[in-house]
Amino acid sequence: MWVKKWVDYSSKYGLGYYLSNEVTGVFFNDSTKIVLDPNGYHFDYYERRSSDRQDIGKEYTLTEYPKELQKKVTLLQHFRSYLEGSEKPKPNDAPVVEEQIPERKVKDVVYVKKWMRTRHAIMFRLSNKVVQVNFQDHTEIMLSSETKVVTYVNKKGERSTYPLSSAMESANLEMVKRLKYTKDILTHMLNANTNTAKPSSQMDVGSMGGMGMGMNTVSQSSRPKTNNMGSVIEPSAKGQLSATNKFSPTDRVNTRPY
């Protein structure tokens, strides 16, 4: 499971993305998340519980959801249409009779829990404990704490997989270089999180302790928004949503050819 397309519109609303399982999601500037099932009917909405900072999700449909989610649902549809290359959001006002209610296509929902951008890359942390880093040169690193493997995608889109425990000793120097960069970002962020504990940061890697970044020593974005490696983006319009504004993201859709 990985992020296949994304568009950064955090200047107003948040980050929209499209996963490899055809799920569309939005990470809003207020840190809430919305995830649309590929059937285009069911969606899950996540809010962070203040007591333990865990995401709590509820399932709704595009025909039945709380009134206060109206703007976010509308934005979800805009993001979906934009990522799929359509001009207008897909209609959701068609009546659905009980016999025609589509079944969910995805049972185990995966979504972007955190994200950040640096000078050279964009990083996603998924809810399935995968960290994905897409670099501006169209290479990519994915770390999985569950499978304990590193997946590297080179500039040609070719994939190779290495054990997490020995990846740093690989003969693939291009992969090792990017893996070191990823490790430096994570280390920088962990230190920053420990020292400053800023709740507004887009990527809280304090919960990444299980990533197994020991490894013996322990894209593509069109407009980088940080000056120093590892620094965290903070939305300029946090929590402000206005579905009536013209939806015109300033960053192009980022996508990979697989």
C-alpha atoms as a PDB file:
ATOM      1  CA  MET A   1       0.000   0.000   0.000  1.00  0.00           C
ATOM      2  CA  TRP A   2       1.452   3.358  -0.970  1.00  0.00           C
ATOM      3  CA  VAL A   3       0.582   6.909  -1.960  1.00  0.00           C
ATOM      4  CA  LYS A   4       0.271   6.913  -5.747  1.00  0.00           C
ATOM      5  CA  LYS A   5      -0.807  10.536  -6.364  1.00  0.00           C
ATOM      6  CA  TRP A   6      -1.057  13.608  -4.206  1.00  0.00           C
ATOM      7  CA  VAL A   7      -1.639  17.327  -4.382  1.00  0.00           C
ATOM      8  CA  ASP A   8      -0.506  19.783  -1.739  1.00  0.00           C
ATOM      9  CA  TYR A   9      -3.158  22.425  -1.104  1.00  0.00           C
ATOM     10  CA  SER A  10      -2.179  23.068   2.503  1.00  0.00           C
ATOM     11  CA  SER A  11      -2.124  26.807   1.846  1.00  0.00           C
ATOM     12  CA  LYS A  12      -5.911  26.606   2.212  1.00  0.00           C
ATOM     13  CA  TYR A  13      -7.257  23.160   2.954  1.00  0.00           C
ATOM     14  CA  GLY A  14      -4.796  20.309   3.246  1.00  0.00           C
ATOM     15  CA  LEU A  15      -3.203  17.439   1.352  1.00  0.00           C
ATOM     16  CA  GLY A  16      -5.240  15.308  -1.030  1.00  0.00           C
ATOM     17  CA  TYR A  17      -3.951  11.885  -2.052  1.00  0.00           C
ATOM     18  CA  TYR A  18      -4.800   8.726  -3.961  1.00  0.00           C
ATOM     19  CA  LEU A  19      -3.569   5.351  -2.692  1.00  0.00           C
ATOM     20  CA  SER A  20      -2.578   2.280  -4.675  1.00  0.00           C
ATOM     21  CA  ASN A  21      -5.816   0.538  -3.576  1.00  0.00           C
ATOM     22  CA  GLU A  22      -7.879   3.341  -5.214  1.00  0.00           C
ATOM     23  CA  VAL A  23      -8.758   4.999  -1.909  1.00  0.00           C
ATOM     24  CA  THR A  24      -8.932   8.805  -1.967  1.00  0.00           C
ATOM     25  CA  GLY A  25      -8.175  10.775   1.180  1.00  0.00           C
ATOM     26  CA  VAL A  26      -7.563  14.242   2.543  1.00  0.00           C
ATOM     27  CA  PHE A  27      -5.354  15.268   5.448  1.00  0.00           C
ATOM     28  CA  PHE A  28      -6.899  18.584   6.473  1.00  0.00           C
ATOM     29  CA  ASN A  29      -4.984  21.456   8.022  1.00  0.00           C
ATOM     30  CA  ASP A  30      -6.776  20.894  11.335  1.00  0.00           C
ATOM     31  CA  SER A  31      -5.281  17.347  11.413  1.00  0.00           C
ATOM     32  CA  THR A  32      -8.605  15.643  10.766  1.00  0.00           C
ATOM     33  CA  LYS A  33      -8.660  13.035   8.008  1.00  0.00           C
ATOM     34  CA  ILE A  34     -11.283  11.822   5.589  1.00  0.00           C
ATOM     35  CA  VAL A  35     -10.968   8.648   3.505  1.00  0.00           C
ATOM     36  CA  LEU A  36     -13.285   7.638   0.659  1.00  0.00           C
ATOM     37  CA  ASP A  37     -13.754   3.983  -0.221  1.00  0.00           C
ATOM     38  CA  PRO A  38     -13.198   3.082  -3.900  1.00  0.00           C
ATOM     39  CA  ASN A  39     -16.944   2.417  -4.189  1.00  0.00           C
ATOM     40  CA  GLY A  40     -17.388   6.207  -4.037  1.00  0.00           C
ATOM     41  CA  TYR A  41     -20.090   5.923  -1.380  1.00  0.00           C
ATOM     42  CA  HIS A  42     -18.688   5.050   2.048  1.00  0.00           C
ATOM     43  CA  PHE A  43     -16.148   7.224   3.803  1.00  0.00           C
ATOM     44  CA  ASP A  44     -14.390   7.325   7.168  1.00  0.00           C
ATOM     45  CA  TYR A  45     -13.719  10.481   9.147  1.00  0.00           C
ATOM     46  CA  TYR A  46     -10.934  10.609  11.732  1.00  0.00           C
ATOM     47  CA  GLU A  47     -10.376  13.015  14.583  1.00  0.00           C
ATOM     48  CA  ARG A  48      -7.520  12.916  17.068  1.00  0.00           C
ATOM     49  CA  ARG A  49      -8.480  12.161  20.646  1.00  0.00           C
ATOM     50  CA  SER A  50      -6.808  14.712  22.905  1.00  0.00           C
ATOM     51  CA  SER A  51      -6.274  12.320  25.820  1.00  0.00           C
ATOM     52  CA  ASP A  52      -3.898   9.947  24.037  1.00  0.00           C
ATOM     53  CA  ARG A  53      -3.492  11.573  20.580  1.00  0.00           C
ATOM     54  CA  GLN A  54      -5.024   8.535  18.861  1.00  0.00           C
ATOM     55  CA  ASP A  55      -7.164   8.832  15.749  1.00  0.00           C
ATOM     56  CA  ILE A  56     -10.810   7.910  16.287  1.00  0.00           C
ATOM     57  CA  GLY A  57     -12.729   7.094  13.128  1.00  0.00           C
ATOM     58  CA  LYS A  58     -16.408   6.897  12.231  1.00  0.00           C
ATOM     59  CA  GLU A  59     -17.981   5.531   9.077  1.00  0.00           C
ATOM     60  CA  TYR A  60     -20.502   7.514   7.025  1.00  0.00           C
ATOM     61  CA  THR A  61     -21.875   7.599   3.500  1.00  0.00           C
ATOM     62  CA  LEU A  62     -22.051  10.446   1.001  1.00  0.00           C
ATOM     63  CA  THR A  63     -25.805  10.562   1.550  1.00  0.00           C
ATOM     64  CA  GLU A  64     -25.794  10.365   5.346  1.00  0.00           C
ATOM     65  CA  TYR A  65     -23.268  12.291   7.430  1.00  0.00           C
ATOM     66  CA  PRO A  66     -23.267  15.044  10.080  1.00  0.00           C
ATOM     67  CA  LYS A  67     -24.089  18.507   8.802  1.00  0.00           C
ATOM     68  CA  GLU A  68     -20.839  19.905  10.191  1.00  0.00           C
ATOM     69  CA  LEU A  69     -18.890  17.712   7.748  1.00  0.00           C
ATOM     70  CA  GLN A  70     -20.524  19.253   4.680  1.00  0.00           C
ATOM     71  CA  LYS A  71     -17.549  21.421   3.687  1.00  0.00           C
ATOM     72  CA  LYS A  72     -15.042  18.650   4.186  1.00  0.00           C
ATOM     73  CA  VAL A  73     -17.118  16.182   2.191  1.00  0.00           C
ATOM     74  CA  THR A  74     -17.369  18.719  -0.618  1.00  0.00           C
ATOM     75  CA  LEU A  75     -13.603  19.251  -0.515  1.00  0.00           C
ATOM     76  CA  LEU A  76     -13.056  15.486  -0.562  1.00  0.00           C
ATOM     77  CA  GLN A  77     -15.042  15.288  -3.772  1.00  0.00           C
ATOM     78  CA  HIS A  78     -13.073  18.179  -5.266  1.00  0.00           C
ATOM     79  CA  PHE A  79      -9.777  16.537  -4.376  1.00  0.00           C
ATOM     80  CA  ARG A  80     -10.974  13.236  -5.801  1.00  0.00           C
ATOM     81  CA  SER A  81     -12.025  14.810  -9.083  1.00  0.00           C
ATOM     82  CA  TYR A  82      -8.799  16.793  -9.310  1.00  0.00           C
ATOM     83  CA  LEU A  83      -6.617  13.729  -8.712  1.00  0.00           C
ATOM     84  CA  GLU A  84      -8.608  11.709 -11.232  1.00  0.00           C
ATOM     85  CA  GLY A  85      -8.294  14.481 -13.794  1.00  0.00           C
ATOM     86  CA  SER A  86     -11.950  15.463 -13.868  1.00  0.00           C
ATOM     87  CA  GLU A  87     -13.120  19.071 -13.982  1.00  0.00           C
ATOM     88  CA  LYS A  88     -16.152  18.723 -11.719  1.00  0.00           C
ATOM     89  CA  PRO A  89     -16.744  16.751  -8.522  1.00  0.00           C
ATOM     90  CA  LYS A  90     -18.666  13.550  -9.016  1.00  0.00           C
ATOM     91  CA  PRO A  91     -22.318  13.882  -8.043  1.00  0.00           C
ATOM     92  CA  ASN A  92     -23.456  12.363  -4.768  1.00  0.00           C
ATOM     93  CA  ASP A  93     -27.057  13.531  -4.737  1.00  0.00           C
ATOM     94  CA  ALA A  94     -28.480  10.624  -6.718  1.00  0.00           C
ATOM     95  CA  PRO A  95     -30.990   8.684  -4.603  1.00  0.00           C
ATOM     96  CA  VAL A  96     -29.733   5.332  -3.341  1.00  0.00           C
ATOM     97  CA  VAL A  97     -32.237   2.671  -2.422  1.00  0.00           C
ATOM     98  CA  GLU A  98     -31.309   0.107   0.184  1.00  0.00           C
ATOM     99  CA  GLU A  99     -31.038  -2.735  -2.346  1.00  0.00           C
ATOM    100  CA  GLN A 100     -28.553  -0.705  -4.389  1.00  0.00           C
ATOM    101  CA  ILE A 101     -26.211   0.344  -1.596  1.00  0.00           C
ATOM    102  CA  PRO A 102     -22.735  -0.700  -2.763  1.00  0.00           C
ATOM    103  CA  GLU A 103     -20.536  -2.865  -0.581  1.00  0.00           C
ATOM    104  CA  ARG A 104     -17.308  -1.468   0.728  1.00  0.00           C
ATOM    105  CA  LYS A 105     -14.345  -2.497  -1.391  1.00  0.00           C
ATOM    106  CA  VAL A 106     -11.776  -1.861   1.338  1.00  0.00           C
ATOM    107  CA  LYS A 107     -12.296  -3.424   4.758  1.00  0.00           C
ATOM    108  CA  ASP A 108      -8.990  -2.470   6.406  1.00  0.00           C
ATOM    109  CA  VAL A 109      -8.765   1.286   5.917  1.00  0.00           C
ATOM    110  CA  VAL A 110      -5.274   2.727   5.386  1.00  0.00           C
ATOM    111  CA  TYR A 111      -4.792   6.488   5.359  1.00  0.00           C
ATOM    112  CA  VAL A 112      -2.117   9.164   5.719  1.00  0.00           C
ATOM    113  CA  LYS A 113      -1.637   9.814   9.435  1.00  0.00           C
ATOM    114  CA  LYS A 114       1.166  12.391   9.098  1.00  0.00           C
ATOM    115  CA  TRP A 115       3.090  14.095   6.346  1.00  0.00           C
ATOM    116  CA  MET A 116       5.811  16.661   5.839  1.00  0.00           C
ATOM    117  CA  ARG A 117       7.926  18.253   3.137  1.00  0.00           C
ATOM    118  CA  THR A 118      11.625  19.039   3.081  1.00  0.00           C
ATOM    119  CA  ARG A 119      13.820  20.731   0.527  1.00  0.00           C
ATOM    120  CA  HIS A 120      14.362  17.504  -1.382  1.00  0.00           C
ATOM    121  CA  ALA A 121      11.406  15.261  -0.650  1.00  0.00           C
ATOM    122  CA  ILE A 122       7.923  14.707   0.691  1.00  0.00           C
ATOM    123  CA  MET A 123       7.293  12.156   3.432  1.00  0.00           C
ATOM    124  CA  PHE A 124       4.131  10.280   4.311  1.00  0.00           C
ATOM    125  CA  ARG A 125       3.445   8.147   7.344  1.00  0.00           C
ATOM    126  CA  LEU A 126       0.593   5.748   6.697  1.00  0.00           C
ATOM    127  CA  SER A 127      -1.663   4.164   9.289  1.00  0.00           C
ATOM    128  CA  ASN A 128      -0.278   0.716   8.372  1.00  0.00           C
ATOM    129  CA  LYS A 129       3.121   1.780   9.798  1.00  0.00           C
ATOM    130  CA  VAL A 130       4.724   2.429   6.433  1.00  0.00           C
ATOM    131  CA  VAL A 131       6.909   5.500   5.945  1.00  0.00           C
ATOM    132  CA  GLN A 132       7.123   6.605   2.317  1.00  0.00           C
ATOM    133  CA  VAL A 133       9.577   9.218   1.046  1.00  0.00           C
ATOM    134  CA  ASN A 134       9.298  10.535  -2.512  1.00  0.00           C
ATOM    135  CA  PHE A 135      12.287  12.527  -3.736  1.00  0.00           C
ATOM    136  CA  GLN A 136      12.301  15.275  -6.334  1.00  0.00           C
ATOM    137  CA  ASP A 137      14.410  13.136  -8.691  1.00  0.00           C
ATOM    138  CA  HIS A 138      11.506  10.634  -8.843  1.00  0.00           C
ATOM    139  CA  THR A 139      13.177   8.035  -6.643  1.00  0.00           C
ATOM    140  CA  GLU A 140      11.352   6.669  -3.645  1.00  0.00           C
ATOM    141  CA  ILE A 141      12.009   4.920  -0.326  1.00  0.00           C
ATOM    142  CA  MET A 142       9.433   2.944   1.657  1.00  0.00           C
ATOM    143  CA  LEU A 143      10.068   1.577   5.149  1.00  0.00           C
ATOM    144  CA  SER A 144       7.756  -0.992   6.713  1.00  0.00           C
ATOM    145  CA  SER A 145       7.978  -1.698  10.421  1.00  0.00           C
ATOM    146  CA  GLU A 146       5.718  -4.738  10.058  1.00  0.00           C
ATOM    147  CA  THR A 147       7.525  -6.533   7.238  1.00  0.00           C
ATOM    148  CA  LYS A 148      10.945  -5.148   8.261  1.00  0.00           C
ATOM    149  CA  VAL A 149      11.887  -4.321   4.679  1.00  0.00           C
ATOM    150  CA  VAL A 150      13.036  -1.322   2.680  1.00  0.00           C
ATOM    151  CA  THR A 151      11.602  -0.861  -0.806  1.00  0.00           C
ATOM    152  CA  TYR A 152      13.511   1.380  -3.210  1.00  0.00           C
ATOM    153  CA  VAL A 153      12.124   2.710  -6.492  1.00  0.00           C
ATOM    154  CA  ASN A 154      14.755   4.091  -8.868  1.00  0.00           C
ATOM    155  CA  LYS A 155      14.335   6.806 -11.494  1.00  0.00           C
ATOM    156  CA  LYS A 156      13.095   4.233 -14.030  1.00  0.00           C
ATOM    157  CA  GLY A 157      10.341   3.065 -11.684  1.00  0.00           C
ATOM    158  CA  GLU A 158      12.100  -0.243 -10.979  1.00  0.00           C
ATOM    159  CA  ARG A 159      11.533  -1.672  -7.498  1.00  0.00           C
ATOM    160  CA  SER A 160      13.985  -3.500  -5.280  1.00  0.00           C
ATOM    161  CA  THR A 161      13.554  -4.744  -1.728  1.00  0.00           C
ATOM    162  CA  TYR A 162      16.105  -5.103   1.077  1.00  0.00           C
ATOM    163  CA  PRO A 163      15.977  -6.326   4.680  1.00  0.00           C
ATOM    164  CA  LEU A 164      15.670  -3.344   7.000  1.00  0.00           C
ATOM    165  CA  SER A 165      18.435  -4.694   9.227  1.00  0.00           C
ATOM    166  CA  SER A 166      21.089  -4.759   6.491  1.00  0.00           C
ATOM    167  CA  ALA A 167      19.899  -2.191   3.948  1.00  0.00           C
ATOM    168  CA  MET A 168      22.600   0.326   4.908  1.00  0.00           C
ATOM    169  CA  GLU A 169      25.287  -2.166   3.790  1.00  0.00           C
ATOM    170  CA  SER A 170      23.727  -2.658   0.366  1.00  0.00           C
ATOM    171  CA  ALA A 171      25.811  -2.282  -2.777  1.00  0.00           C
ATOM    172  CA  ASN A 172      23.068  -0.034  -4.167  1.00  0.00           C
ATOM    173  CA  LEU A 173      24.726   3.252  -3.244  1.00  0.00           C
ATOM    174  CA  GLU A 174      21.893   5.381  -4.624  1.00  0.00           C
ATOM    175  CA  MET A 175      19.446   3.610  -2.330  1.00  0.00           C
ATOM    176  CA  VAL A 176      21.803   3.845   0.649  1.00  0.00           C
ATOM    177  CA  LYS A 177      22.237   7.585   0.071  1.00  0.00           C
ATOM    178  CA  ARG A 178      18.487   8.156   0.151  1.00  0.00           C
ATOM    179  CA  LEU A 179      18.040   5.843   3.086  1.00  0.00           C
ATOM    180  CA  LYS A 180      20.605   7.860   5.041  1.00  0.00           C
ATOM    181  CA  TYR A 181      18.741  11.043   4.135  1.00  0.00           C
ATOM    182  CA  THR A 182      15.502   9.487   5.370  1.00  0.00           C
ATOM    183  CA  LYS A 183      17.173   8.385   8.586  1.00  0.00           C
ATOM    184  CA  ASP A 184      18.593  11.895   9.118  1.00  0.00           C
ATOM    185  CA  ILE A 185      15.134  13.403   8.666  1.00  0.00           C
ATOM    186  CA  LEU A 186      13.601  10.980  11.148  1.00  0.00           C
ATOM    187  CA  THR A 187      16.393  11.573  13.660  1.00  0.00           C
ATOM    188  CA  HIS A 188      16.110  15.347  13.262  1.00  0.00           C
ATOM    189  CA  MET A 189      12.364  15.171  13.718  1.00  0.00           C
ATOM    190  CA  LEU A 190      12.577  12.902  16.746  1.00  0.00           C
ATOM    191  CA  ASN A 191      15.013  15.309  18.381  1.00  0.00           C
ATOM    192  CA  ALA A 192      12.862  18.310  17.487  1.00  0.00           C
ATOM    193  CA  ASN A 193       9.791  16.549  18.808  1.00  0.00           C
ATOM    194  CA  THR A 194      11.558  15.771  22.081  1.00  0.00           C
ATOM    195  CA  ASN A 195      12.967  19.267  22.528  1.00  0.00           C
ATOM    196  CA  THR A 196      10.067  21.401  21.363  1.00  0.00           C
ATOM    197  CA  ALA A 197       7.015  19.093  21.298  1.00  0.00           C
ATOM    198  CA  LYS A 198       5.192  21.397  18.895  1.00  0.00           C
ATOM    199  CA  PRO A 199       1.641  20.098  18.530  1.00  0.00           C
ATOM    200  CA  SER A 200       1.151  21.880  15.221  1.00  0.00           C
ATOM    201  CA  SER A 201       3.816  19.970  13.322  1.00  0.00           C
ATOM    202  CA  GLN A 202       2.565  17.931  10.391  1.00  0.00           C
ATOM    203  CA  MET A 203       4.670  14.896  11.280  1.00  0.00           C
ATOM    204  CA  ASP A 204       4.900  13.622  14.811  1.00  0.00           C
ATOM    205  CA  VAL A 205       7.452  10.844  14.635  1.00  0.00           C
ATOM    206  CA  GLY A 206       7.509  10.235  18.342  1.00  0.00           C
ATOM    207  CA  SER A 207       5.281   7.269  17.602  1.00  0.00           C
ATOM    208  CA  MET A 208       7.772   5.968  15.029  1.00  0.00           C
ATOM    209  CA  GLY A 209       9.971   4.393  17.637  1.00  0.00           C
ATOM    210  CA  GLY A 210       8.963   1.007  16.293  1.00  0.00           C
ATOM    211  CA  MET A 211      10.265   1.701  12.802  1.00  0.00           C
ATOM    212  CA  GLY A 212      13.413  -0.291  13.546  1.00  0.00           C
ATOM    213  CA  MET A 213      15.692   2.406  12.181  1.00  0.00           C
ATOM    214  CA  GLY A 214      18.652   0.706  13.855  1.00  0.00           C
ATOM    215  CA  MET A 215      20.030  -0.565  10.520  1.00  0.00           C
ATOM    216  CA  ASN A 216      23.375  -0.956  12.220  1.00  0.00           C
ATOM    217  CA  THR A 217      23.650   2.811  12.556  1.00  0.00           C
ATOM    218  CA  VAL A 218      20.668   3.378  14.406  1.00  0.00           C
ATOM    219  CA  SER A 219       8.093  13.346  -5.683  1.00  0.00           C
ATOM    220  CA  GLN A 220       8.420  14.736  -6.858  1.00  0.00           C
ATOM    221  CA  SER A 221       6.995  17.729  -5.038  1.00  0.00           C
ATOM    222  CA  SER A 222       6.881  20.687  -7.366  1.00  0.00           C
ATOM    223  CA  ARG A 223       7.282  23.445  -4.819  1.00  0.00           C
ATOM    224  CA  PRO A 224       9.315  22.649  -1.696  1.00  0.00           C
ATOM    225  CA  LYS A 225       8.235  24.754   1.262  1.00  0.00           C
ATOM    226  CA  THR A 226      11.074  24.406   3.756  1.00  0.00           C
ATOM    227  CA  ASN A 227      14.501  25.947   3.966  1.00  0.00           C
ATOM    228  CA  ASN A 228      16.220  23.385   6.152  1.00  0.00           C
ATOM    229  CA  MET A 229      16.245  19.626   5.853  1.00  0.00           C
ATOM    230  CA  GLY A 230      13.755  18.060   8.167  1.00  0.00           C
ATOM    231  CA  SER A 231      11.949  21.236   9.121  1.00  0.00           C
ATOM    232  CA  VAL A 232       8.211  20.854   9.366  1.00  0.00           C
ATOM    233  CA  ILE A 233       5.541  22.597   7.356  1.00  0.00           C
ATOM    234  CA  GLU A 234       2.876  24.362   9.358  1.00  0.00           C
ATOM    235  CA  PRO A 235      -0.295  25.270   7.453  1.00  0.00           C
ATOM    236  CA  SER A 236      -0.794  28.958   6.814  1.00  0.00           C
ATOM    237  CA  ALA A 237      -4.550  28.622   7.064  1.00  0.00           C
ATOM    238  CA  LYS A 238      -4.943  25.963   9.684  1.00  0.00           C
ATOM    239  CA  GLY A 239      -8.453  24.707  10.081  1.00  0.00           C
ATOM    240  CA  GLN A 240      -9.982  27.243   7.714  1.00  0.00           C
ATOM    241  CA  LEU A 241     -12.244  25.557   5.201  1.00  0.00           C
ATOM    242  CA  SER A 242     -14.325  27.215   2.558  1.00  0.00           C
ATOM    243  CA  ALA A 243     -15.779  24.882  -0.016  1.00  0.00           C
ATOM    244  CA  THR A 244     -17.208  27.818  -1.931  1.00  0.00           C
ATOM    245  CA  ASN A 245     -13.784  29.134  -2.954  1.00  0.00           C
ATOM    246  CA  LYS A 246     -12.459  28.164  -6.358  1.00  0.00           C
ATOM    247  CA  PHE A 247     -10.610  24.872  -6.052  1.00  0.00           C
ATOM    248  CA  SER A 248      -7.345  25.535  -7.846  1.00  0.00           C
ATOM    249  CA  PRO A 249      -4.317  23.967  -6.133  1.00  0.00           C
ATOM    250  CA  THR A 250      -1.083  25.769  -6.899  1.00  0.00           C
ATOM    251  CA  ASP A 251       0.942  22.555  -6.975  1.00  0.00           C
ATOM    252  CA  ARG A 252       0.565  20.095  -9.809  1.00  0.00           C
ATOM    253  CA  VAL A 253      -0.634  16.573  -9.188  1.00  0.00           C
ATOM    254  CA  ASN A 254       2.301  14.381  -8.310  1.00  0.00           C
ATOM    255  CA  THR A 255       2.115  10.850  -9.571  1.00  0.00           C
ATOM    256  CA  ARG A 256       4.194   7.791 -10.230  1.00  0.00           C
ATOM    257  CA  PRO A 257       3.915   5.622 -13.362  1.00  0.00           C
ATOM    258  CA  TYR A 258       2.958   2.446 -11.502  1.00  0.00           C
END
